[in-house]
Amino acid sequence: MTVTYLRARLQPTTRQLTGRRSASTRPLRDEPRPSDGLVVDQDRRTVAVDGRRLELTRREFDLLAHLVAHPRLVFTRGQILRAVWQQPAVGDCRTVDVHVARLRTKLGTVHRHLLRTVRGVGYKFDPGAAATPAARP
């Protein structure tokens, strides 16, 4: 067995355990892709809606970026707390609800429907969702 062979065999296991990728296997980050007029640029930590830059807090940006990075995937409030706040989901998860409400306000009436509430579960980013009367204030 060669070192190259062993490295090739162990790399997926190591990556799975550590959640890291080597520089050679890390995917290149694409340019920010717009979704219905919403552009989230992870590298610059900016968000724009229809060309207008939004002023977001650190947590608001992290929450939106997390949901946008996983379109159509439903996250519970506890999963969001662990992913965005790096805290275990203990006690009241209303802080997630408050941040989602603030994000919807900042996104405006045209784009607020992109952040969907999955009743009894949590939230998801749905780029293909059409605005419905219920989604408008």
Foldseek 3Di string as FASTA:
>chain_A
DDPVVVCVVCQVVVCVVVVDDDPVPDDDDDAFDDQQQWTQGPVVLWIGGVNHTFDDDQLLSQLVVVQVVPAPDFAALQRSCCRRVVDGPPDDSCVLVVSLVVNLVRNDQQQNVQWDADPPGGIHGHSPDHDDPVSGD
